[in-house]
C-alpha atoms as a PDB file:
ATOM      1  CA  MET A   1     126.282  95.666 140.791  1.00  0.00           C
ATOM      2  CA  SER A   2     126.603  93.821 137.481  1.00  0.00           C
ATOM      3  CA  SER A   3     125.136  95.095 134.239  1.00  0.00           C
ATOM      4  CA  PRO A   4     121.807  93.584 133.148  1.00  0.00           C
ATOM      5  CA  LEU A   5     122.106  90.581 130.856  1.00  0.00           C
ATOM      6  CA  VAL A   6     121.175  91.249 127.232  1.00  0.00           C
ATOM      7  CA  ALA A   7     120.102  88.373 124.979  1.00  0.00           C
ATOM      8  CA  VAL A   8     121.067  89.280 121.399  1.00  0.00           C
ATOM      9  CA  VAL A   9     119.023  87.573 118.674  1.00  0.00           C
ATOM     10  CA  ILE A  10     120.242  87.350 115.072  1.00  0.00           C
ATOM     11  CA  LEU A  11     118.664  85.392 112.230  1.00  0.00           C
ATOM     12  CA  THR A  12     120.423  84.067 109.133  1.00  0.00           C
ATOM     13  CA  CYS A  13     119.602  82.046 106.041  1.00  0.00           C
ATOM     14  CA  ASN A  14     122.372  81.554 103.473  1.00  0.00           C
ATOM     15  CA  GLN A  15     124.004  84.892 104.245  1.00  0.00           C
ATOM     16  CA  LYS A  16     127.261  83.716 105.755  1.00  0.00           C
ATOM     17  CA  LYS A  17     129.471  86.736 105.076  1.00  0.00           C
ATOM     18  CA  LEU A  18     126.929  89.255 106.363  1.00  0.00           C
ATOM     19  CA  THR A  19     126.363  87.156 109.452  1.00  0.00           C
ATOM     20  CA  LEU A  20     130.055  86.685 110.216  1.00  0.00           C
ATOM     21  CA  ASP A  21     130.691  90.422 109.829  1.00  0.00           C
ATOM     22  CA  CYS A  22     127.776  91.158 112.151  1.00  0.00           C
ATOM     23  CA  LEU A  23     128.979  88.685 114.781  1.00  0.00           C
ATOM     24  CA  ASP A  24     132.550  89.950 114.548  1.00  0.00           C
ATOM     25  CA  SER A  25     131.407  93.497 115.312  1.00  0.00           C
ATOM     26  CA  LEU A  26     129.193  92.316 118.166  1.00  0.00           C
ATOM     27  CA  LEU A  27     132.012  90.364 119.779  1.00  0.00           C
ATOM     28  CA  LYS A  28     134.052  93.580 119.818  1.00  0.00           C
ATOM     29  CA  CYS A  29     131.314  95.321 121.781  1.00  0.00           C
ATOM     30  CA  GLN A  30     132.396  96.895 125.039  1.00  0.00           C
ATOM     31  CA  TYR A  31     129.225  95.661 126.741  1.00  0.00           C
ATOM     32  CA  GLU A  32     130.303  92.328 128.194  1.00  0.00           C
ATOM     33  CA  HIS A  33     127.146  91.013 129.869  1.00  0.00           C
ATOM     34  CA  LYS A  34     125.474  89.714 126.728  1.00  0.00           C
ATOM     35  CA  GLN A  35     124.647  86.359 125.180  1.00  0.00           C
ATOM     36  CA  ILE A  36     124.407  86.171 121.407  1.00  0.00           C
ATOM     37  CA  ILE A  37     121.918  83.703 119.938  1.00  0.00           C
ATOM     38  CA  LEU A  38     122.204  82.982 116.216  1.00  0.00           C
ATOM     39  CA  VAL A  39     119.247  81.246 114.600  1.00  0.00           C
ATOM     40  CA  ASP A  40     120.243  79.420 111.417  1.00  0.00           C
ATOM     41  CA  ASN A  41     117.073  79.151 109.353  1.00  0.00           C
ATOM     42  CA  GLY A  42     118.047  76.168 107.190  1.00  0.00           C
ATOM     43  CA  SER A  43     121.247  77.597 105.671  1.00  0.00           C
ATOM     44  CA  GLU A  44     123.263  75.503 103.233  1.00  0.00           C
ATOM     45  CA  ASP A  45     126.355  77.728 103.153  1.00  0.00           C
ATOM     46  CA  GLY A  46     128.236  76.244 106.106  1.00  0.00           C
ATOM     47  CA  VAL A  47     127.621  79.224 108.373  1.00  0.00           C
ATOM     48  CA  GLN A  48     127.019  77.039 111.422  1.00  0.00           C
ATOM     49  CA  ASP A  49     130.421  75.312 111.275  1.00  0.00           C
ATOM     50  CA  GLU A  50     132.247  78.592 110.731  1.00  0.00           C
ATOM     51  CA  VAL A  51     130.482  80.241 113.654  1.00  0.00           C
ATOM     52  CA  PHE A  52     131.389  77.300 115.899  1.00  0.00           C
ATOM     53  CA  GLN A  53     135.016  77.712 114.854  1.00  0.00           C
ATOM     54  CA  LYS A  54     135.337  81.510 115.018  1.00  0.00           C
ATOM     55  CA  PHE A  55     132.817  82.436 117.704  1.00  0.00           C
ATOM     56  CA  PRO A  56     132.572  79.498 120.146  1.00  0.00           C
ATOM     57  CA  HIS A  57     130.624  81.509 122.740  1.00  0.00           C
ATOM     58  CA  VAL A  58     127.754  82.216 120.352  1.00  0.00           C
ATOM     59  CA  ILE A  59     124.737  79.951 120.850  1.00  0.00           C
ATOM     60  CA  VAL A  60     123.621  78.539 117.491  1.00  0.00           C
ATOM     61  CA  LEU A  61     120.078  77.222 117.102  1.00  0.00           C
ATOM     62  CA  ARG A  62     119.402  75.485 113.812  1.00  0.00           C
ATOM     63  CA  ASN A  63     116.087  75.009 112.056  1.00  0.00           C
ATOM     64  CA  GLU A  64     116.252  72.361 109.346  1.00  0.00           C
ATOM     65  CA  GLU A  65     114.356  74.611 106.946  1.00  0.00           C
ATOM     66  CA  ASN A  66     113.605  78.300 106.565  1.00  0.00           C
ATOM     67  CA  ILE A  67     110.583  78.848 108.793  1.00  0.00           C
ATOM     68  CA  GLY A  68     110.489  82.599 108.202  1.00  0.00           C
ATOM     69  CA  ALA A  69     111.613  85.643 110.137  1.00  0.00           C
ATOM     70  CA  ALA A  70     108.920  85.420 112.806  1.00  0.00           C
ATOM     71  CA  GLY A  71     109.274  81.676 113.284  1.00  0.00           C
ATOM     72  CA  GLY A  72     113.056  81.879 113.399  1.00  0.00           C
ATOM     73  CA  ARG A  73     113.121  84.630 115.994  1.00  0.00           C
ATOM     74  CA  ASN A  74     110.558  82.738 118.056  1.00  0.00           C
ATOM     75  CA  THR A  75     113.055  79.860 118.213  1.00  0.00           C
ATOM     76  CA  ALA A  76     115.498  82.205 119.940  1.00  0.00           C
ATOM     77  CA  ILE A  77     112.829  83.655 122.233  1.00  0.00           C
ATOM     78  CA  GLU A  78     111.843  80.189 123.458  1.00  0.00           C
ATOM     79  CA  TYR A  79     115.471  79.371 124.211  1.00  0.00           C
ATOM     80  CA  ALA A  80     116.178  82.676 125.944  1.00  0.00           C
ATOM     81  CA  LEU A  81     113.100  82.500 128.160  1.00  0.00           C
ATOM     82  CA  GLN A  82     113.931  78.950 129.198  1.00  0.00           C
ATOM     83  CA  TYR A  83     117.681  79.191 129.747  1.00  0.00           C
ATOM     84  CA  LEU A  84     118.756  82.830 130.174  1.00  0.00           C
ATOM     85  CA  ALA A  85     118.016  85.195 133.067  1.00  0.00           C
ATOM     86  CA  PHE A  86     118.068  88.200 130.755  1.00  0.00           C
ATOM     87  CA  THR A  87     116.716  91.665 131.492  1.00  0.00           C
ATOM     88  CA  TYR A  88     116.774  92.911 127.904  1.00  0.00           C
ATOM     89  CA  ILE A  89     116.525  91.271 124.517  1.00  0.00           C
ATOM     90  CA  LEU A  90     118.038  92.817 121.393  1.00  0.00           C
ATOM     91  CA  PHE A  91     116.609  91.901 117.988  1.00  0.00           C
ATOM     92  CA  MET A  92     119.014  92.648 115.139  1.00  0.00           C
ATOM     93  CA  ASP A  93     119.058  92.049 111.410  1.00  0.00           C
ATOM     94  CA  ASN A  94     122.179  90.206 110.283  1.00  0.00           C
ATOM     95  CA  ASP A  95     123.213  92.913 107.795  1.00  0.00           C
ATOM     96  CA  ILE A  96     124.231  95.186 110.675  1.00  0.00           C
ATOM     97  CA  VAL A  97     127.713  96.210 111.791  1.00  0.00           C
ATOM     98  CA  VAL A  98     127.770  97.842 115.219  1.00  0.00           C
ATOM     99  CA  MET A  99     130.008 100.410 116.880  1.00  0.00           C
ATOM    100  CA  PRO A 100     131.785  99.099 119.997  1.00  0.00           C
ATOM    101  CA  ASP A 101     129.861 101.269 122.459  1.00  0.00           C
ATOM    102  CA  PHE A 102     126.379 101.077 120.926  1.00  0.00           C
ATOM    103  CA  LEU A 103     124.973  98.506 123.357  1.00  0.00           C
ATOM    104  CA  ASN A 104     126.315 100.330 126.419  1.00  0.00           C
ATOM    105  CA  LYS A 105     124.508 103.444 125.274  1.00  0.00           C
ATOM    106  CA  LEU A 106     121.255 101.652 124.438  1.00  0.00           C
ATOM    107  CA  VAL A 107     121.122  99.901 127.805  1.00  0.00           C
ATOM    108  CA  ASP A 108     122.144 103.058 129.664  1.00  0.00           C
ATOM    109  CA  GLY A 109     119.409 104.943 127.837  1.00  0.00           C
ATOM    110  CA  LEU A 110     116.678 102.644 129.116  1.00  0.00           C
ATOM    111  CA  GLU A 111     118.205 102.165 132.565  1.00  0.00           C
ATOM    112  CA  SER A 112     118.453 105.917 133.160  1.00  0.00           C
ATOM    113  CA  CYS A 113     115.126 106.872 131.595  1.00  0.00           C
ATOM    114  CA  GLU A 114     112.965 108.755 134.081  1.00  0.00           C
ATOM    115  CA  ASP A 115     109.751 107.360 132.573  1.00  0.00           C
ATOM    116  CA  PRO A 116     109.372 103.733 133.779  1.00  0.00           C
ATOM    117  CA  SER A 117     106.863 102.991 131.010  1.00  0.00           C
ATOM    118  CA  VAL A 118     109.615 103.351 128.373  1.00  0.00           C
ATOM    119  CA  GLU A 119     110.821  99.809 127.698  1.00  0.00           C
ATOM    120  CA  ILE A 120     111.917  99.841 124.032  1.00  0.00           C
ATOM    121  CA  ALA A 121     114.873 101.651 122.477  1.00  0.00           C
ATOM    122  CA  SER A 122     116.588 101.948 119.113  1.00  0.00           C
ATOM    123  CA  PRO A 123     119.956 103.297 117.913  1.00  0.00           C
ATOM    124  CA  LEU A 124     120.876 105.593 115.045  1.00  0.00           C
ATOM    125  CA  LEU A 125     121.351 103.622 111.827  1.00  0.00           C
ATOM    126  CA  TYR A 126     123.771 104.784 109.159  1.00  0.00           C
ATOM    127  CA  GLN A 127     123.878 103.262 105.686  1.00  0.00           C
ATOM    128  CA  LEU A 128     126.687 100.709 105.549  1.00  0.00           C
ATOM    129  CA  GLY A 129     129.588 101.891 103.419  1.00  0.00           C
ATOM    130  CA  THR A 130     128.929 105.573 104.091  1.00  0.00           C
ATOM    131  CA  ASP A 131     130.277 107.967 106.673  1.00  0.00           C
ATOM    132  CA  LYS A 132     127.183 109.702 108.029  1.00  0.00           C
ATOM    133  CA  ILE A 133     124.311 108.986 105.645  1.00  0.00           C
ATOM    134  CA  ILE A 134     121.326 108.114 107.816  1.00  0.00           C
ATOM    135  CA  ASP A 135     119.421 104.913 107.177  1.00  0.00           C
ATOM    136  CA  SER A 136     116.987 105.411 110.050  1.00  0.00           C
ATOM    137  CA  ALA A 137     116.740 107.803 112.983  1.00  0.00           C
ATOM    138  CA  GLY A 138     114.214 106.013 115.154  1.00  0.00           C
ATOM    139  CA  GLY A 139     112.308 103.958 112.596  1.00  0.00           C
ATOM    140  CA  PRO A 140     109.385 104.521 110.242  1.00  0.00           C
ATOM    141  CA  LYS A 141     106.542 106.928 110.834  1.00  0.00           C
ATOM    142  CA  LEU A 142     103.258 105.164 110.153  1.00  0.00           C
ATOM    143  CA  ASN A 143     100.167 106.813 108.734  1.00  0.00           C
ATOM    144  CA  PHE A 144      97.270 104.547 109.652  1.00  0.00           C
ATOM    145  CA  TYR A 145      94.870 106.510 107.445  1.00  0.00           C
ATOM    146  CA  THR A 146      96.815 106.162 104.199  1.00  0.00           C
ATOM    147  CA  GLY A 147      99.055 103.160 104.889  1.00  0.00           C
ATOM    148  CA  SER A 148     102.163 105.136 104.026  1.00  0.00           C
ATOM    149  CA  THR A 149     105.415 104.645 105.909  1.00  0.00           C
ATOM    150  CA  GLN A 150     108.288 107.107 105.930  1.00  0.00           C
ATOM    151  CA  THR A 151     111.550 106.193 107.607  1.00  0.00           C
ATOM    152  CA  ARG A 152     112.738 109.120 109.669  1.00  0.00           C
ATOM    153  CA  GLY A 153     115.948 110.661 108.380  1.00  0.00           C
ATOM    154  CA  HIS A 154     116.487 108.128 105.581  1.00  0.00           C
ATOM    155  CA  GLY A 155     119.052 109.331 103.053  1.00  0.00           C
ATOM    156  CA  GLU A 156     119.907 112.496 104.957  1.00  0.00           C
ATOM    157  CA  VAL A 157     123.422 113.521 105.928  1.00  0.00           C
ATOM    158  CA  ASP A 158     123.673 113.491 109.707  1.00  0.00           C
ATOM    159  CA  ALA A 159     124.335 117.042 110.836  1.00  0.00           C
ATOM    160  CA  GLY A 160     122.990 116.512 114.341  1.00  0.00           C
ATOM    161  CA  GLN A 161     119.419 117.338 113.339  1.00  0.00           C
ATOM    162  CA  TYR A 162     118.005 114.409 115.355  1.00  0.00           C
ATOM    163  CA  LYS A 163     120.408 114.529 118.292  1.00  0.00           C
ATOM    164  CA  ASN A 164     118.046 116.089 120.815  1.00  0.00           C
ATOM    165  CA  GLU A 165     114.767 114.371 119.924  1.00  0.00           C
ATOM    166  CA  ARG A 166     114.725 111.343 122.217  1.00  0.00           C
ATOM    167  CA  PHE A 167     111.097 110.304 121.725  1.00  0.00           C
ATOM    168  CA  PRO A 168     110.184 110.592 118.029  1.00  0.00           C
ATOM    169  CA  ASN A 169     106.792 109.510 116.762  1.00  0.00           C
ATOM    170  CA  CYS A 170     108.270 106.439 115.078  1.00  0.00           C
ATOM    171  CA  VAL A 171     108.223 102.664 115.486  1.00  0.00           C
ATOM    172  CA  PRO A 172     111.713 101.166 115.888  1.00  0.00           C
ATOM    173  CA  THR A 173     112.773  98.304 113.611  1.00  0.00           C
ATOM    174  CA  THR A 174     115.949  96.571 112.373  1.00  0.00           C
ATOM    175  CA  THR A 175     117.805  96.945 115.706  1.00  0.00           C
ATOM    176  CA  VAL A 176     115.510  97.026 118.738  1.00  0.00           C
ATOM    177  CA  LEU A 177     116.334  96.698 122.435  1.00  0.00           C
ATOM    178  CA  MET A 178     113.329  95.550 124.451  1.00  0.00           C
ATOM    179  CA  HIS A 179     112.855  94.991 128.175  1.00  0.00           C
ATOM    180  CA  ARG A 180     111.887  91.459 129.139  1.00  0.00           C
ATOM    181  CA  LYS A 181     108.558  92.734 130.498  1.00  0.00           C
ATOM    182  CA  ALA A 182     107.691  94.128 127.070  1.00  0.00           C
ATOM    183  CA  LEU A 183     108.632  90.847 125.398  1.00  0.00           C
ATOM    184  CA  GLU A 184     106.486  88.843 127.796  1.00  0.00           C
ATOM    185  CA  ARG A 185     103.617  91.241 127.144  1.00  0.00           C
ATOM    186  CA  ALA A 186     103.842  90.697 123.383  1.00  0.00           C
ATOM    187  CA  GLY A 187     104.474  86.971 123.544  1.00  0.00           C
ATOM    188  CA  ARG A 188     105.988  85.927 120.228  1.00  0.00           C
ATOM    189  CA  PHE A 189     106.364  87.193 116.698  1.00  0.00           C
ATOM    190  CA  ASP A 190     103.255  86.432 114.654  1.00  0.00           C
ATOM    191  CA  VAL A 191     104.094  83.717 112.111  1.00  0.00           C
ATOM    192  CA  SER A 192     101.160  84.874 109.969  1.00  0.00           C
ATOM    193  CA  PHE A 193     103.626  87.439 108.606  1.00  0.00           C
ATOM    194  CA  ASP A 194     106.121  84.795 107.473  1.00  0.00           C
ATOM    195  CA  PRO A 195     108.303  84.624 105.504  1.00  0.00           C
ATOM    196  CA  TYR A 196     108.866  88.287 106.468  1.00  0.00           C
ATOM    197  CA  GLY A 197     107.440  91.781 106.362  1.00  0.00           C
ATOM    198  CA  TYR A 198     105.746  93.876 109.089  1.00  0.00           C
ATOM    199  CA  GLU A 199     106.334  91.162 111.704  1.00  0.00           C
ATOM    200  CA  ASP A 200     108.844  93.384 113.509  1.00  0.00           C
ATOM    201  CA  ILE A 201     106.611  96.476 113.626  1.00  0.00           C
ATOM    202  CA  ASP A 202     103.664  94.341 114.711  1.00  0.00           C
ATOM    203  CA  MET A 203     105.735  92.832 117.531  1.00  0.00           C
ATOM    204  CA  VAL A 204     106.885  96.221 118.816  1.00  0.00           C
ATOM    205  CA  LEU A 205     103.347  97.629 118.846  1.00  0.00           C
ATOM    206  CA  ARG A 206     101.983  94.582 120.671  1.00  0.00           C
ATOM    207  CA  ALA A 207     104.798  94.909 123.215  1.00  0.00           C
ATOM    208  CA  ASN A 208     103.682  98.471 123.873  1.00  0.00           C
ATOM    209  CA  PRO A 209      99.861  98.486 123.963  1.00  0.00           C
ATOM    210  CA  ALA A 210      99.762 101.619 126.123  1.00  0.00           C
ATOM    211  CA  MET A 211     101.785 103.425 123.420  1.00  0.00           C
ATOM    212  CA  ALA A 212     104.486 104.609 125.790  1.00  0.00           C
ATOM    213  CA  PRO A 213     107.207 106.591 123.992  1.00  0.00           C
ATOM    214  CA  PHE A 214     109.913 104.691 122.136  1.00  0.00           C
ATOM    215  CA  LEU A 215     113.394 105.831 123.137  1.00  0.00           C
ATOM    216  CA  PHE A 216     115.767 106.903 120.373  1.00  0.00           C
ATOM    217  CA  VAL A 217     119.447 106.944 121.362  1.00  0.00           C
ATOM    218  CA  PRO A 218     121.369 108.867 118.668  1.00  0.00           C
ATOM    219  CA  ASP A 219     124.747 108.268 120.322  1.00  0.00           C
ATOM    220  CA  ALA A 220     124.266 104.516 119.858  1.00  0.00           C
ATOM    221  CA  VAL A 221     125.358 103.923 116.267  1.00  0.00           C
ATOM    222  CA  VAL A 222     125.108 100.931 113.939  1.00  0.00           C
ATOM    223  CA  TYR A 223     125.571 100.538 110.184  1.00  0.00           C
ATOM    224  CA  HIS A 224     122.898  98.841 108.058  1.00  0.00           C
ATOM    225  CA  LEU A 225     123.218  97.367 104.573  1.00  0.00           C
ATOM    226  CA  GLY A 226     119.480  97.168 103.919  1.00  0.00           C
ATOM    227  CA  SER A 227     117.430  95.479 101.212  1.00  0.00           C
ATOM    228  CA  LYS A 228     118.320  95.819  97.543  1.00  0.00           C
ATOM    229  CA  THR A 229     115.207  94.066  96.240  1.00  0.00           C
ATOM    230  CA  GLY A 230     113.788  97.059  94.406  1.00  0.00           C
ATOM    231  CA  PHE A 231     116.845  97.641  92.249  1.00  0.00           C
ATOM    232  CA  SER A 232     116.362  94.562  90.083  1.00  0.00           C
ATOM    233  CA  GLY A 233     112.586  94.422  90.134  1.00  0.00           C
ATOM    234  CA  TYR A 234     110.117  92.717  92.417  1.00  0.00           C
ATOM    235  CA  THR A 235     109.118  89.082  92.074  1.00  0.00           C
ATOM    236  CA  ALA A 236     105.487  87.989  92.179  1.00  0.00           C
ATOM    237  CA  ASP A 237     106.104  86.189  95.475  1.00  0.00           C
ATOM    238  CA  TYR A 238     107.604  89.325  97.013  1.00  0.00           C
ATOM    239  CA  THR A 239     104.764  91.649  96.002  1.00  0.00           C
ATOM    240  CA  CYS A 240     102.169  89.083  97.076  1.00  0.00           C
ATOM    241  CA  MET A 241     103.785  88.807 100.497  1.00  0.00           C
ATOM    242  CA  LYS A 242     104.189  92.572 100.766  1.00  0.00           C
ATOM    243  CA  GLY A 243     100.551  93.215  99.860  1.00  0.00           C
ATOM    244  CA  LYS A 244      99.196  90.564 102.219  1.00  0.00           C
ATOM    245  CA  ASN A 245     101.307  91.571 105.195  1.00  0.00           C
ATOM    246  CA  MET A 246     100.754  95.300 104.788  1.00  0.00           C
ATOM    247  CA  ARG A 247      96.986  94.940 104.658  1.00  0.00           C
ATOM    248  CA  MET A 248      96.960  92.447 107.531  1.00  0.00           C
ATOM    249  CA  PHE A 249      99.112  94.745 109.674  1.00  0.00           C
ATOM    250  CA  PHE A 250      97.054  97.897 109.143  1.00  0.00           C
ATOM    251  CA  LYS A 251      93.792  96.040 109.687  1.00  0.00           C
ATOM    252  CA  ARG A 252      95.071  94.745 113.029  1.00  0.00           C
ATOM    253  CA  HIS A 253      96.356  98.046 114.376  1.00  0.00           C
ATOM    254  CA  SER A 254      93.888 100.566 112.922  1.00  0.00           C
ATOM    255  CA  THR A 255      90.650 101.954 114.272  1.00  0.00           C
ATOM    256  CA  ALA A 256      87.517 101.308 112.213  1.00  0.00           C
ATOM    257  CA  PHE A 257      87.732 104.757 110.642  1.00  0.00           C
ATOM    258  CA  GLN A 258      91.454 104.428 109.924  1.00  0.00           C
ATOM    259  CA  TRP A 259      90.825 101.063 108.259  1.00  0.00           C
ATOM    260  CA  PHE A 260      88.080 102.592 106.115  1.00  0.00           C
ATOM    261  CA  CYS A 261      90.418 105.399 104.997  1.00  0.00           C
ATOM    262  CA  PHE A 262      93.270 102.953 104.416  1.00  0.00           C
ATOM    263  CA  ASN A 263      91.204 100.966 101.929  1.00  0.00           C
ATOM    264  CA  LEU A 264      90.252 104.161 100.095  1.00  0.00           C
ATOM    265  CA  PHE A 265      93.916 105.111  99.750  1.00  0.00           C
ATOM    266  CA  LEU A 266      95.153 101.612  98.912  1.00  0.00           C
ATOM    267  CA  PRO A 267      94.970 101.981  95.084  1.00  0.00           C
ATOM    268  CA  PHE A 268      96.912 105.263  95.253  1.00  0.00           C
ATOM    269  CA  LEU A 269      99.476 103.712  97.590  1.00  0.00           C
ATOM    270  CA  SER A 270     100.135 100.994  95.009  1.00  0.00           C
ATOM    271  CA  VAL A 271     100.561 103.304  92.009  1.00  0.00           C
ATOM    272  CA  LYS A 272     104.324 103.741  92.441  1.00  0.00           C
ATOM    273  CA  THR A 273     104.958  99.998  92.488  1.00  0.00           C
ATOM    274  CA  ILE A 274     102.554  99.312  89.625  1.00  0.00           C
ATOM    275  CA  VAL A 275     104.015 102.008  87.347  1.00  0.00           C
ATOM    276  CA  ARG A 276     107.594 100.926  88.026  1.00  0.00           C
ATOM    277  CA  GLU A 277     106.892  97.262  87.337  1.00  0.00           C
ATOM    278  CA  LEU A 278     104.829  98.069  84.227  1.00  0.00           C
ATOM    279  CA  ARG A 279     107.808  99.928  82.809  1.00  0.00           C
ATOM    280  CA  ARG A 280     109.851  96.800  83.371  1.00  0.00           C
ATOM    281  CA  GLY A 281     107.175  94.629  81.789  1.00  0.00           C
ATOM    282  CA  ASN A 282     106.852  92.820  85.095  1.00  0.00           C
ATOM    283  CA  VAL A 283     103.139  92.027  85.022  1.00  0.00           C
ATOM    284  CA  LYS A 284     103.589  89.052  87.360  1.00  0.00           C
ATOM    285  CA  ALA A 285     104.710  91.361  90.153  1.00  0.00           C
ATOM    286  CA  ILE A 286     101.559  93.464  89.752  1.00  0.00           C
ATOM    287  CA  LEU A 287      99.340  90.389  89.798  1.00  0.00           C
ATOM    288  CA  GLY A 288     101.203  89.205  92.892  1.00  0.00           C
ATOM    289  CA  LEU A 289     100.468  92.497  94.645  1.00  0.00           C
ATOM    290  CA  VAL A 290      96.757  92.219  93.875  1.00  0.00           C
ATOM    291  CA  LYS A 291      96.745  88.601  95.028  1.00  0.00           C
ATOM    292  CA  GLY A 292      98.383  89.620  98.304  1.00  0.00           C
ATOM    293  CA  PHE A 293      95.845  92.371  98.965  1.00  0.00           C
ATOM    294  CA  LEU A 294      92.972  89.976  98.295  1.00  0.00           C
ATOM    295  CA  SER A 295      94.425  87.162 100.412  1.00  0.00           C
ATOM    296  CA  ALA A 296      94.582  89.474 103.442  1.00  0.00           C
ATOM    297  CA  THR A 297      90.788  89.802 103.387  1.00  0.00           C
ATOM    298  CA  LYS A 298      90.236  86.118 104.060  1.00  0.00           C
END
């Protein structure tokens, strides 16, 4: 009996080196029954030609302009549903480098799970360039009353502390393996979140309306570069997008009482960003955040 086909979806926009490194690691994967789909969201760095040359078996879908993370991934979903008889679909950021056996272990985890309602799994993420510094051990924990998110294990040295907890109370992001049934249940990524931010968490929650446990497979290991936006200061566009998408996400997935509490906590949740940007004299970023919060009410 052959292994189930996995459609692997990666998105890029003018990040050629990251993308090529990601693809190179994926092509060295021991799991053979996979089809990689790269969505080029309007890149101008020649990534498409180089992928054709170095990785001829990778399917490249090109959008003429950057249509956002949700829109770009939807391009791949449409293709996969039409042309591939896949059982699982893997959504990955392009700043990921994978270990050769990670996909075997992710697929085996779902295939051997005794609970048939479990259809979504995530690996252990280390910070790229480190030995065993955890980036995420299952994803962020969401507090729907305060709007706070805390990524499980982030920044910790891996000493096996998460090895035996297979079903953490987290929502997987960044690298997510999803059964086709879960994908069909969710439909598509919501382009209202474009250009990016919260679209991945929203998709996972819509794929799992019964809130079945998410499977965490700590023996499946990938390395993640992650965003460096905060180190040089936020732009007004970034804070506007972040504010809009955060408020839109929590409104969609909260109960009425949770939404009421969220709005009470919202000013306190923003204090850290506001203080940091004030120290930098970055008033535009603060105004962008306020604009984003207000735009989500429309």
